[in-house]
N, C-alpha and C. Protein backbone atom coordinates (compact mmCIF):
# COMPACT_ATOMS: atom_id res chain seq x y z
N UNK A 1 80.63 131.99 107.01
CA UNK A 1 81.37 131.77 105.76
C UNK A 1 82.62 130.93 106.07
N UNK A 2 82.90 129.90 105.49
CA UNK A 2 84.02 129.08 105.74
C UNK A 2 85.34 129.71 105.27
N UNK A 3 86.47 129.44 106.09
CA UNK A 3 87.75 129.96 105.70
C UNK A 3 88.28 129.28 104.58
N UNK A 4 89.12 129.98 103.86
CA UNK A 4 89.75 129.36 102.56
C UNK A 4 90.85 128.43 103.09
N UNK A 5 90.75 127.17 102.57
CA UNK A 5 91.82 126.15 103.06
C UNK A 5 92.76 125.96 101.79
N UNK A 6 94.09 125.62 102.28
CA UNK A 6 95.08 125.24 101.27
C UNK A 6 95.83 124.19 102.00
N UNK A 7 96.81 123.63 101.17
CA UNK A 7 97.84 122.68 101.82
C UNK A 7 98.48 123.11 102.94
N UNK A 8 98.71 124.37 103.12
CA UNK A 8 99.43 124.96 104.16
C UNK A 8 98.55 125.36 105.42
N UNK A 9 97.28 125.25 105.23
CA UNK A 9 96.43 125.61 106.40
C UNK A 9 96.63 124.55 107.56
N UNK A 10 96.72 125.06 108.78
CA UNK A 10 96.86 124.22 109.92
C UNK A 10 95.37 123.89 110.32
N UNK A 11 95.20 122.61 110.42
CA UNK A 11 93.86 122.10 110.64
C UNK A 11 93.61 121.68 112.09
N UNK A 12 94.76 121.61 112.86
CA UNK A 12 94.66 121.07 114.25
C UNK A 12 96.01 120.73 114.70
N UNK A 13 96.11 120.27 116.01
CA UNK A 13 97.28 119.69 116.62
C UNK A 13 97.11 118.24 116.78
N UNK A 14 98.25 117.48 116.49
CA UNK A 14 98.17 116.07 116.76
C UNK A 14 99.33 115.76 117.62
N UNK A 15 98.92 115.24 118.84
CA UNK A 15 99.93 115.06 119.98
C UNK A 15 100.82 116.15 120.13
N UNK A 16 100.22 117.36 120.23
CA UNK A 16 100.96 118.65 120.52
C UNK A 16 101.65 119.31 119.36
N UNK A 17 101.55 118.67 118.15
CA UNK A 17 102.35 119.17 117.02
C UNK A 17 101.31 119.75 116.04
N UNK A 18 101.37 121.12 115.58
CA UNK A 18 100.51 121.59 114.56
C UNK A 18 100.66 120.89 113.12
N UNK A 19 99.49 120.48 112.67
CA UNK A 19 99.58 119.67 111.42
C UNK A 19 98.80 120.54 110.25
N UNK A 20 99.37 120.64 109.05
CA UNK A 20 98.64 121.28 107.97
C UNK A 20 97.72 120.25 107.23
N UNK A 21 96.89 120.88 106.43
CA UNK A 21 96.15 119.96 105.50
C UNK A 21 96.93 119.14 104.65
N UNK A 22 97.98 119.73 104.11
CA UNK A 22 98.92 118.95 103.19
C UNK A 22 99.64 117.70 103.93
N UNK A 23 99.90 117.91 105.15
CA UNK A 23 100.62 116.89 105.94
C UNK A 23 99.68 115.83 106.27
N UNK A 24 98.37 116.19 106.63
CA UNK A 24 97.37 115.12 106.89
C UNK A 24 97.16 114.38 105.67
N UNK A 25 97.12 115.06 104.46
CA UNK A 25 96.82 114.27 103.18
C UNK A 25 97.84 113.24 102.88
N UNK A 26 99.14 113.66 103.29
CA UNK A 26 100.21 112.56 103.03
C UNK A 26 99.99 111.34 103.82
N UNK A 27 99.52 111.52 105.04
CA UNK A 27 99.38 110.32 105.90
C UNK A 27 98.06 109.72 105.92
N UNK A 28 97.00 110.51 105.70
CA UNK A 28 95.68 109.90 105.81
C UNK A 28 94.81 110.78 104.77
N UNK A 29 94.67 110.33 103.59
CA UNK A 29 93.90 111.03 102.51
C UNK A 29 92.43 111.06 102.83
N UNK A 30 91.88 109.95 103.46
CA UNK A 30 90.53 109.97 103.77
C UNK A 30 90.20 111.20 104.77
N UNK A 31 91.07 111.42 105.85
CA UNK A 31 90.83 112.45 106.74
C UNK A 31 91.01 113.91 106.19
N UNK A 32 91.93 114.00 105.18
CA UNK A 32 92.14 115.27 104.44
C UNK A 32 90.95 115.60 103.67
N UNK A 33 90.24 114.51 103.09
CA UNK A 33 88.98 114.74 102.27
C UNK A 33 87.89 115.23 103.21
N UNK A 34 87.86 114.59 104.52
CA UNK A 34 86.80 115.15 105.38
C UNK A 34 86.99 116.64 105.65
N UNK A 35 88.24 116.98 105.94
CA UNK A 35 88.43 118.37 106.24
C UNK A 35 88.17 119.35 105.06
N UNK A 36 88.49 118.78 103.86
CA UNK A 36 88.14 119.60 102.66
C UNK A 36 86.68 119.74 102.52
N UNK A 37 85.89 118.71 102.86
CA UNK A 37 84.45 118.84 102.65
C UNK A 37 83.92 119.72 103.69
N UNK A 38 84.48 120.03 104.77
CA UNK A 38 83.94 120.83 105.79
C UNK A 38 84.41 122.26 105.61
N UNK A 39 85.03 122.57 104.50
CA UNK A 39 85.43 124.06 104.23
C UNK A 39 85.51 124.30 102.78
N UNK A 40 86.12 125.44 102.36
CA UNK A 40 86.32 125.71 101.03
C UNK A 40 87.79 125.53 100.75
N UNK A 41 88.12 124.88 99.76
CA UNK A 41 89.47 124.52 99.46
C UNK A 41 89.88 125.31 98.16
N UNK A 42 90.89 126.21 98.22
CA UNK A 42 91.30 126.99 96.97
C UNK A 42 90.10 127.67 96.31
N UNK A 43 89.96 127.61 95.00
CA UNK A 43 88.94 128.19 94.26
C UNK A 43 87.90 127.06 93.82
N UNK A 44 88.13 125.90 94.39
CA UNK A 44 87.13 124.85 93.90
C UNK A 44 85.85 124.80 94.89
N UNK A 45 84.83 124.55 94.15
CA UNK A 45 83.60 124.48 94.97
C UNK A 45 83.51 123.06 95.39
N UNK A 46 83.32 122.94 96.74
CA UNK A 46 83.24 121.60 97.43
C UNK A 46 81.92 121.67 98.19
N UNK A 47 81.54 120.45 98.43
CA UNK A 47 80.23 120.24 99.32
C UNK A 47 80.60 120.56 100.72
N UNK A 48 79.90 121.56 101.23
CA UNK A 48 80.22 121.95 102.68
C UNK A 48 79.08 121.35 103.61
N UNK A 49 79.58 120.58 104.39
CA UNK A 49 78.73 119.77 105.33
C UNK A 49 78.75 120.50 106.67
N UNK A 50 77.69 120.32 107.34
CA UNK A 50 77.53 120.90 108.73
C UNK A 50 78.50 120.12 109.62
N UNK A 51 79.34 120.90 110.30
CA UNK A 51 80.34 120.22 111.23
C UNK A 51 79.66 119.85 112.50
N UNK A 52 79.79 118.55 112.85
CA UNK A 52 79.03 118.07 114.04
C UNK A 52 79.45 118.81 115.33
N UNK A 53 80.74 119.25 115.26
CA UNK A 53 81.22 120.10 116.39
C UNK A 53 81.56 119.34 117.67
N UNK A 54 82.27 120.02 118.45
CA UNK A 54 82.62 119.51 119.75
C UNK A 54 83.74 118.47 119.81
N UNK A 55 84.12 118.00 120.91
CA UNK A 55 85.09 116.95 121.15
C UNK A 55 84.65 116.02 122.14
N UNK A 56 85.20 114.83 122.24
CA UNK A 56 84.93 113.89 123.35
C UNK A 56 86.10 113.27 123.81
N UNK A 57 86.04 112.78 125.17
CA UNK A 57 87.13 112.18 125.76
C UNK A 57 86.63 110.63 125.99
N UNK A 58 87.39 109.73 125.54
CA UNK A 58 87.16 108.30 125.69
C UNK A 58 88.27 107.82 126.78
N UNK A 59 87.74 107.27 127.95
CA UNK A 59 88.62 106.71 128.86
C UNK A 59 88.56 105.22 128.94
N UNK A 60 89.81 104.70 128.90
CA UNK A 60 89.95 103.17 129.11
C UNK A 60 90.71 103.00 130.51
N UNK A 61 90.04 102.31 131.38
CA UNK A 61 90.47 102.41 132.81
C UNK A 61 90.55 100.91 133.29
N UNK A 62 91.49 100.74 134.25
CA UNK A 62 91.52 99.49 135.04
C UNK A 62 91.74 99.84 136.48
N UNK A 63 91.05 99.02 137.37
CA UNK A 63 91.05 99.42 138.82
C UNK A 63 91.58 98.10 139.56
N UNK A 64 92.60 98.24 140.35
CA UNK A 64 93.14 97.10 141.21
C UNK A 64 92.56 97.32 142.65
N UNK A 65 91.78 96.29 143.11
CA UNK A 65 91.22 96.31 144.42
C UNK A 65 91.88 95.36 145.44
N UNK A 66 92.91 94.74 144.90
CA UNK A 66 93.74 93.92 145.83
C UNK A 66 95.14 94.04 145.48
N UNK A 67 96.08 93.63 146.27
CA UNK A 67 97.55 94.05 146.24
C UNK A 67 98.37 93.07 145.48
N UNK A 68 97.91 91.89 145.14
CA UNK A 68 98.91 90.80 144.49
C UNK A 68 99.38 91.31 143.17
N UNK A 69 100.63 90.94 142.93
CA UNK A 69 101.28 91.29 141.73
C UNK A 69 100.77 90.51 140.53
N UNK A 70 100.93 90.91 139.34
CA UNK A 70 100.65 90.27 138.04
C UNK A 70 99.16 89.94 137.87
N UNK A 71 98.30 90.88 138.45
CA UNK A 71 96.93 90.80 138.20
C UNK A 71 96.59 91.30 136.74
N UNK A 72 95.86 90.56 135.98
CA UNK A 72 95.35 91.03 134.62
C UNK A 72 94.03 91.65 134.83
N UNK A 73 93.81 92.82 134.42
CA UNK A 73 92.55 93.58 134.62
C UNK A 73 92.15 94.12 133.32
N UNK A 74 90.95 93.74 132.83
CA UNK A 74 90.37 94.24 131.57
C UNK A 74 90.13 95.80 131.66
N UNK A 75 90.44 96.42 130.59
CA UNK A 75 90.17 97.80 130.51
C UNK A 75 88.68 98.12 130.29
N UNK A 76 87.95 98.92 131.17
CA UNK A 76 86.63 99.32 130.99
C UNK A 76 86.64 100.66 130.18
N UNK A 77 85.80 100.80 129.16
CA UNK A 77 85.71 101.94 128.29
C UNK A 77 84.51 102.69 128.75
N UNK A 78 84.93 104.02 129.06
CA UNK A 78 83.92 105.01 129.48
C UNK A 78 83.73 106.04 128.43
N UNK A 79 82.65 106.06 127.77
CA UNK A 79 82.37 107.01 126.70
C UNK A 79 81.48 106.34 125.63
N UNK A 80 80.78 107.12 124.98
CA UNK A 80 79.88 106.60 123.88
C UNK A 80 80.19 107.24 122.57
N UNK A 81 80.60 106.47 121.66
CA UNK A 81 81.04 107.03 120.32
C UNK A 81 79.87 107.02 119.41
N UNK A 82 79.26 108.25 119.26
CA UNK A 82 78.11 108.44 118.46
C UNK A 82 78.34 108.87 117.04
N UNK A 83 79.53 109.30 116.80
CA UNK A 83 79.89 109.66 115.35
C UNK A 83 81.41 109.34 115.27
N UNK A 84 82.06 109.51 114.02
CA UNK A 84 83.44 109.36 113.96
C UNK A 84 84.10 110.27 114.70
N UNK A 85 85.26 109.88 115.26
CA UNK A 85 86.07 110.76 116.15
C UNK A 85 87.53 110.68 115.65
N UNK A 86 88.11 111.96 115.48
CA UNK A 86 89.55 112.12 115.14
C UNK A 86 90.25 112.20 116.44
N UNK A 87 90.93 111.08 116.73
CA UNK A 87 91.75 111.00 117.95
C UNK A 87 93.10 111.67 117.62
N UNK A 88 93.38 112.73 118.41
CA UNK A 88 94.66 113.46 118.12
C UNK A 88 95.40 113.79 119.31
N UNK A 89 95.01 113.16 120.43
CA UNK A 89 95.72 113.28 121.65
C UNK A 89 95.52 111.95 122.55
N UNK A 90 96.59 111.30 123.12
CA UNK A 90 96.47 110.22 123.95
C UNK A 90 97.27 110.47 125.15
N UNK A 91 96.75 110.38 126.29
CA UNK A 91 97.44 110.55 127.63
C UNK A 91 97.11 109.40 128.50
N UNK A 92 97.90 109.29 129.59
CA UNK A 92 97.60 108.26 130.63
C UNK A 92 97.81 108.83 131.98
N UNK A 93 97.25 108.34 132.90
CA UNK A 93 97.52 108.76 134.40
C UNK A 93 97.33 107.46 135.29
N UNK A 94 97.90 107.43 136.37
CA UNK A 94 97.74 106.35 137.40
C UNK A 94 97.43 107.12 138.74
N UNK A 95 96.24 106.79 139.36
CA UNK A 95 95.78 107.36 140.54
C UNK A 95 95.79 106.31 141.70
N UNK A 96 96.29 106.96 142.83
CA UNK A 96 96.23 106.22 143.95
C UNK A 96 95.75 107.06 145.22
N UNK A 97 94.42 107.23 145.25
CA UNK A 97 93.86 108.23 146.14
C UNK A 97 94.23 108.16 147.54
N UNK A 98 94.53 106.85 148.11
CA UNK A 98 94.93 106.72 149.48
C UNK A 98 96.43 106.75 149.74
N UNK A 99 97.26 106.71 148.74
CA UNK A 99 98.67 106.72 148.98
C UNK A 99 99.08 108.03 149.36
N UNK A 100 99.84 108.11 150.61
CA UNK A 100 100.35 109.44 151.06
C UNK A 100 99.20 110.39 151.38
N UNK A 101 98.01 109.88 151.49
CA UNK A 101 96.85 110.90 151.73
C UNK A 101 97.13 111.81 152.89
N UNK A 102 97.06 113.10 152.72
CA UNK A 102 97.29 114.19 153.70
C UNK A 102 98.68 114.53 153.87
N UNK A 103 99.56 113.81 153.23
CA UNK A 103 101.05 114.19 153.38
C UNK A 103 101.46 115.19 152.23
N UNK A 104 102.49 115.96 152.74
CA UNK A 104 103.04 116.95 151.80
C UNK A 104 103.77 116.38 150.66
N UNK A 105 104.04 115.04 150.79
CA UNK A 105 104.78 114.41 149.75
C UNK A 105 103.88 113.64 148.74
N UNK A 106 102.60 113.74 148.88
CA UNK A 106 101.69 113.00 147.99
C UNK A 106 101.94 113.37 146.51
N UNK A 107 101.91 114.70 146.17
CA UNK A 107 102.10 115.03 144.87
C UNK A 107 103.29 114.41 144.19
N UNK A 108 104.43 114.67 145.05
CA UNK A 108 105.76 114.10 144.57
C UNK A 108 105.70 112.58 144.36
N UNK A 109 105.05 111.80 145.35
CA UNK A 109 105.02 110.40 145.22
C UNK A 109 104.13 109.99 143.97
N UNK A 110 102.96 110.58 143.77
CA UNK A 110 102.09 110.38 142.60
C UNK A 110 102.80 110.55 141.30
N UNK A 111 103.52 111.68 141.22
CA UNK A 111 104.29 112.03 139.96
C UNK A 111 105.39 111.04 139.66
N UNK A 112 106.14 110.54 140.67
CA UNK A 112 107.14 109.59 140.48
C UNK A 112 106.59 108.21 140.03
N UNK A 113 105.44 107.86 140.79
CA UNK A 113 104.71 106.58 140.44
C UNK A 113 104.17 106.63 138.95
N UNK A 114 103.68 107.80 138.56
CA UNK A 114 103.19 107.96 137.18
C UNK A 114 104.32 107.61 136.13
N UNK A 115 105.54 108.25 136.49
CA UNK A 115 106.66 108.10 135.48
C UNK A 115 107.21 106.66 135.37
N UNK A 116 107.03 105.84 136.39
CA UNK A 116 107.34 104.45 136.37
C UNK A 116 106.34 103.63 137.14
N UNK A 117 105.20 103.45 136.66
CA UNK A 117 104.13 102.85 137.44
C UNK A 117 104.18 101.36 137.45
N UNK A 118 105.14 100.66 136.85
CA UNK A 118 105.11 99.19 136.78
C UNK A 118 103.89 98.55 136.34
N UNK A 119 103.18 99.16 135.45
CA UNK A 119 102.03 98.67 134.79
C UNK A 119 102.20 98.47 133.34
N UNK A 120 101.92 97.25 132.84
CA UNK A 120 101.91 97.04 131.33
C UNK A 120 100.59 96.98 130.81
N UNK A 121 100.40 97.36 129.57
CA UNK A 121 99.08 97.53 128.89
C UNK A 121 99.12 96.94 127.60
N UNK A 122 97.95 96.36 127.18
CA UNK A 122 97.65 95.84 125.76
C UNK A 122 96.55 96.62 125.23
N UNK A 123 96.70 97.16 124.05
CA UNK A 123 95.66 98.10 123.59
C UNK A 123 95.44 97.89 122.03
N UNK A 124 94.14 97.45 121.59
CA UNK A 124 93.82 97.30 120.19
C UNK A 124 92.61 97.98 119.97
N UNK A 125 92.53 98.85 118.76
CA UNK A 125 91.50 99.69 118.48
C UNK A 125 91.00 99.22 117.15
N UNK A 126 89.75 98.57 117.10
CA UNK A 126 89.14 98.19 115.93
C UNK A 126 88.23 99.23 115.26
N UNK A 127 88.55 99.82 114.12
CA UNK A 127 87.97 100.88 113.52
C UNK A 127 87.93 100.61 112.00
N UNK A 128 88.17 101.65 111.26
CA UNK A 128 88.31 101.46 109.73
C UNK A 128 89.48 100.67 109.46
N UNK A 129 90.50 100.89 110.32
CA UNK A 129 91.67 100.01 110.33
C UNK A 129 91.74 99.33 111.68
N UNK A 130 92.47 98.27 111.76
CA UNK A 130 92.65 97.58 113.12
C UNK A 130 94.15 98.09 113.64
N UNK A 131 93.95 99.06 114.50
CA UNK A 131 95.25 99.69 115.00
C UNK A 131 95.73 98.73 116.17
N UNK A 132 96.86 98.09 115.95
CA UNK A 132 97.44 97.30 116.90
C UNK A 132 98.51 98.06 117.69
N UNK A 133 97.96 98.87 118.64
CA UNK A 133 98.86 99.85 119.34
C UNK A 133 99.95 98.98 120.11
N UNK A 134 99.51 98.00 120.75
CA UNK A 134 100.27 97.14 121.56
C UNK A 134 99.63 95.76 121.64
N UNK A 135 100.07 94.93 120.76
CA UNK A 135 99.56 93.43 120.72
C UNK A 135 100.22 92.71 121.90
N UNK A 136 101.41 93.05 122.27
CA UNK A 136 102.03 92.50 123.39
C UNK A 136 101.99 93.63 124.58
N UNK A 137 102.15 93.06 125.78
CA UNK A 137 102.11 93.99 126.88
C UNK A 137 103.21 94.86 126.92
N UNK A 138 102.88 96.21 126.99
CA UNK A 138 103.93 97.23 126.85
C UNK A 138 103.86 98.16 128.03
N UNK A 139 105.00 98.69 128.56
CA UNK A 139 104.92 99.64 129.67
C UNK A 139 103.96 100.79 129.39
N UNK A 140 103.03 101.10 130.23
CA UNK A 140 102.05 102.13 130.13
C UNK A 140 102.67 103.48 129.72
N UNK A 141 103.75 103.74 130.29
CA UNK A 141 104.40 105.09 129.98
C UNK A 141 104.86 105.23 128.49
N UNK A 142 104.96 104.13 127.84
CA UNK A 142 105.31 104.13 126.45
C UNK A 142 104.26 104.29 125.41
N UNK A 143 103.00 104.31 125.89
CA UNK A 143 101.84 104.34 125.09
C UNK A 143 101.81 105.64 124.33
N UNK A 144 101.98 106.76 124.91
CA UNK A 144 101.82 108.07 124.28
C UNK A 144 102.90 108.30 123.24
N UNK A 145 104.09 107.90 123.41
CA UNK A 145 105.21 107.94 122.45
C UNK A 145 104.84 107.11 121.30
N UNK A 146 104.26 105.96 121.53
CA UNK A 146 103.91 104.94 120.42
C UNK A 146 102.95 105.65 119.54
N UNK A 147 101.85 106.21 120.15
CA UNK A 147 100.88 106.87 119.34
C UNK A 147 101.53 108.01 118.47
N UNK A 148 102.39 108.87 119.07
CA UNK A 148 102.92 109.96 118.39
C UNK A 148 103.79 109.55 117.22
N UNK A 149 104.59 108.47 117.40
CA UNK A 149 105.49 108.14 116.36
C UNK A 149 104.78 107.32 115.32
N UNK A 150 103.75 106.51 115.60
CA UNK A 150 103.10 105.62 114.61
C UNK A 150 101.96 106.23 113.93
N UNK A 151 101.36 107.27 114.54
CA UNK A 151 100.14 107.89 113.92
C UNK A 151 100.31 109.42 113.90
N UNK A 152 101.17 109.94 112.88
CA UNK A 152 101.49 111.32 112.93
C UNK A 152 100.26 112.19 112.47
N UNK A 153 99.15 111.56 111.89
CA UNK A 153 97.99 112.27 111.66
C UNK A 153 96.83 111.88 112.65
N UNK A 154 97.14 111.26 113.67
CA UNK A 154 96.19 110.77 114.55
C UNK A 154 95.51 109.55 113.87
N UNK A 155 94.48 109.20 114.54
CA UNK A 155 93.64 108.02 114.00
C UNK A 155 92.15 108.36 114.10
N UNK A 156 91.28 107.59 113.27
CA UNK A 156 89.92 107.87 113.23
C UNK A 156 89.22 106.80 113.84
N UNK A 157 88.48 106.96 114.90
CA UNK A 157 87.63 105.94 115.64
C UNK A 157 86.29 106.04 115.00
N UNK A 158 85.87 104.97 114.36
CA UNK A 158 84.50 105.00 113.73
C UNK A 158 83.44 104.83 114.84
N UNK A 159 82.24 105.19 114.44
CA UNK A 159 81.11 105.14 115.46
C UNK A 159 80.75 103.70 115.69
N UNK A 160 81.16 102.91 114.95
CA UNK A 160 80.98 101.40 115.24
C UNK A 160 82.29 100.68 115.74
N UNK A 161 83.28 101.43 115.92
CA UNK A 161 84.50 100.85 116.39
C UNK A 161 84.52 100.50 117.86
N UNK A 162 85.49 99.70 118.27
CA UNK A 162 85.53 99.27 119.67
C UNK A 162 86.98 99.23 120.07
N UNK A 163 87.18 99.30 121.40
CA UNK A 163 88.46 99.25 121.99
C UNK A 163 88.69 98.02 122.84
N UNK A 164 89.77 97.34 122.71
CA UNK A 164 90.12 96.26 123.59
C UNK A 164 91.42 96.55 124.32
N UNK A 165 91.28 96.48 125.73
CA UNK A 165 92.42 96.76 126.49
C UNK A 165 92.58 95.98 127.72
N UNK A 166 93.82 95.65 128.12
CA UNK A 166 94.01 94.86 129.35
C UNK A 166 95.18 95.50 130.04
N UNK A 167 95.28 95.43 131.38
CA UNK A 167 96.43 96.00 132.12
C UNK A 167 96.89 94.96 133.14
N UNK A 168 98.17 94.93 133.47
CA UNK A 168 98.82 94.06 134.34
C UNK A 168 99.73 94.84 135.33
N UNK A 169 99.58 94.75 136.61
CA UNK A 169 100.49 95.33 137.55
C UNK A 169 101.68 94.36 137.71
N UNK A 170 102.90 94.99 137.66
CA UNK A 170 104.14 94.03 137.66
C UNK A 170 104.71 93.96 139.10
N UNK A 171 104.22 94.74 139.98
CA UNK A 171 104.64 94.60 141.42
C UNK A 171 103.41 94.49 142.39
N UNK A 172 103.69 93.96 143.53
CA UNK A 172 102.60 93.99 144.51
C UNK A 172 102.30 95.37 144.98
N UNK A 173 101.04 95.71 145.39
CA UNK A 173 100.64 96.98 145.79
C UNK A 173 100.53 96.97 147.22
N UNK A 174 100.96 98.02 147.93
CA UNK A 174 100.83 98.19 149.44
C UNK A 174 99.42 98.45 149.78
N UNK A 175 99.02 98.39 151.04
CA UNK A 175 97.76 98.57 151.52
C UNK A 175 97.15 99.96 151.14
N UNK A 176 98.12 101.00 151.32
CA UNK A 176 97.56 102.39 150.90
C UNK A 176 97.57 102.69 149.44
N UNK A 177 97.96 101.68 148.59
CA UNK A 177 97.76 101.88 147.17
C UNK A 177 96.59 101.31 146.64
N UNK A 178 95.71 100.70 147.47
CA UNK A 178 94.54 100.12 147.03
C UNK A 178 93.38 101.20 147.37
N UNK A 179 92.58 101.64 146.38
CA UNK A 179 92.71 101.11 144.96
C UNK A 179 93.72 101.90 144.15
N UNK A 180 94.34 101.25 143.09
CA UNK A 180 95.15 101.93 142.18
C UNK A 180 94.25 101.94 140.72
N UNK A 181 94.28 103.04 140.13
CA UNK A 181 93.40 103.25 138.91
C UNK A 181 94.40 103.65 137.74
N UNK A 182 94.52 102.89 136.76
CA UNK A 182 95.25 103.23 135.50
C UNK A 182 94.34 103.66 134.38
N UNK A 183 94.47 104.73 133.78
CA UNK A 183 93.57 105.30 132.83
C UNK A 183 94.40 105.74 131.53
N UNK A 184 93.95 105.29 130.38
CA UNK A 184 94.37 105.78 129.06
C UNK A 184 93.26 106.73 128.56
N UNK A 185 93.54 108.01 128.23
CA UNK A 185 92.52 108.93 127.74
C UNK A 185 92.73 109.29 126.31
N UNK A 186 91.72 109.05 125.46
CA UNK A 186 91.86 109.37 123.93
C UNK A 186 90.93 110.55 123.86
N UNK A 187 91.55 111.64 123.23
CA UNK A 187 90.81 112.95 123.04
C UNK A 187 90.49 112.97 121.57
N UNK A 188 89.20 113.16 121.19
CA UNK A 188 88.89 113.04 119.86
C UNK A 188 87.87 114.27 119.42
N UNK A 189 88.08 114.82 118.22
CA UNK A 189 87.27 115.81 117.69
C UNK A 189 86.18 115.09 116.75
N UNK A 190 84.91 115.52 116.91
CA UNK A 190 83.74 114.90 116.28
C UNK A 190 83.85 115.31 114.85
N UNK A 191 83.65 114.17 113.93
CA UNK A 191 83.66 114.49 112.46
C UNK A 191 82.14 114.15 111.94
N UNK A 192 81.88 114.57 110.81
CA UNK A 192 80.49 114.22 110.17
C UNK A 192 80.42 112.70 109.96
N UNK A 193 79.32 112.16 110.52
CA UNK A 193 79.14 110.75 110.25
C UNK A 193 79.11 110.30 108.77
N UNK A 194 79.83 109.15 108.51
CA UNK A 194 79.72 108.54 107.12
C UNK A 194 80.58 109.17 106.04
N UNK A 195 81.33 110.26 106.37
CA UNK A 195 82.13 110.85 105.27
C UNK A 195 83.51 110.19 105.19
N UNK A 196 84.18 109.97 106.30
CA UNK A 196 85.43 109.24 106.27
C UNK A 196 85.24 107.93 105.60
N UNK A 197 86.18 107.57 104.75
CA UNK A 197 86.25 106.33 103.98
C UNK A 197 85.03 106.15 103.03
N UNK A 198 84.42 107.22 102.51
CA UNK A 198 83.34 107.20 101.69
C UNK A 198 83.70 107.24 100.19
N UNK A 199 85.02 107.38 99.87
CA UNK A 199 85.51 107.46 98.49
C UNK A 199 86.49 106.43 98.25
N UNK A 200 86.60 106.01 96.96
CA UNK A 200 87.72 105.04 96.53
C UNK A 200 89.06 105.79 96.55
N UNK A 201 90.06 105.12 96.58
CA UNK A 201 91.44 105.65 96.67
C UNK A 201 91.74 106.49 95.41
N UNK A 202 91.32 106.15 94.22
CA UNK A 202 91.60 107.02 93.04
C UNK A 202 90.83 108.35 93.03
N UNK A 203 89.55 108.20 93.58
CA UNK A 203 88.73 109.42 93.62
C UNK A 203 89.42 110.44 94.62
N UNK A 204 89.94 109.89 95.74
CA UNK A 204 90.52 110.64 96.66
C UNK A 204 91.66 111.37 96.22
N UNK A 205 92.59 110.71 95.42
CA UNK A 205 93.77 111.23 94.84
C UNK A 205 93.43 112.37 93.92
N UNK A 206 92.41 112.13 92.99
CA UNK A 206 91.95 113.05 91.94
C UNK A 206 91.56 114.34 92.73
N UNK A 207 90.64 114.21 93.71
CA UNK A 207 90.10 115.35 94.41
C UNK A 207 91.22 116.18 95.07
N UNK A 208 91.99 115.53 95.89
CA UNK A 208 93.02 116.20 96.61
C UNK A 208 94.17 117.02 95.65
N UNK A 209 94.43 116.16 94.50
CA UNK A 209 95.40 116.89 93.63
C UNK A 209 94.71 118.13 92.88
N UNK A 210 93.46 117.89 92.49
CA UNK A 210 92.81 119.07 91.85
C UNK A 210 92.71 120.30 92.79
N UNK A 211 92.41 119.95 94.07
CA UNK A 211 92.28 121.06 95.14
C UNK A 211 93.67 121.56 95.45
N UNK A 212 94.85 120.98 94.99
CA UNK A 212 96.16 121.40 95.22
C UNK A 212 96.57 121.23 96.64
N UNK A 213 95.92 120.16 97.34
CA UNK A 213 96.32 119.74 98.59
C UNK A 213 97.37 118.69 98.48
N UNK A 214 97.41 117.80 97.54
CA UNK A 214 98.58 117.05 97.16
C UNK A 214 99.17 117.56 95.89
N UNK A 215 100.36 117.39 95.70
CA UNK A 215 101.17 117.81 94.50
C UNK A 215 100.73 117.04 93.31
N UNK A 216 100.64 117.50 92.14
CA UNK A 216 100.30 116.72 90.95
C UNK A 216 101.37 115.77 90.56
N UNK A 217 101.03 114.87 89.69
CA UNK A 217 101.97 113.83 89.17
C UNK A 217 103.19 114.43 88.47
N UNK A 218 104.33 113.99 88.78
CA UNK A 218 105.47 114.60 88.02
C UNK A 218 105.52 114.25 86.61
N UNK A 219 106.05 115.13 85.69
CA UNK A 219 106.18 114.87 84.30
C UNK A 219 107.01 113.66 83.92
N UNK A 220 106.73 112.90 82.94
CA UNK A 220 107.57 111.74 82.61
C UNK A 220 108.94 112.16 82.01
């Protein structure tokens, strides 16, 4: 039996912050509609669809195999998007498996390098919307904050969407830093295919207002 949902129901975390159904509805009405269709909202009967379940990790990675500075490396996408994904977490890492290998200082060196990797990235996600996360090259370490500030409800990556990414190293790499691997990881919850963006804006407003997920129109 599905749990009773209301505007105050927490439907998940977005970039580490719990989000209620009402908050999601303010920022992304299509996504709130999806959650409503996957459960029971108030006393209203809604179509309950089977939740596809599970989550996926989509990795976008670049590998440097030579040490010259200012090399532009396209990001390779690792992962197959078979259904719509609610992306609610974005992280990055920089790996240098040979740097300080065997040294007690390796963990410290890797952590400091991650905080200031001297790698810029460009990231564009083509989905229901065209998310221009970074049309200009931006420091890799700023990516997570950019997502958190600009996408408070996360984003939805469609099953037909694609990701374009490029990375540039701003400094020369030493011999023991070859290879260097920079990875952006998108964590997503699987959604029922075809439900997101299936209604017109007016229909969404009417449904979410009737279900008391959005407040009603104020009196004139």
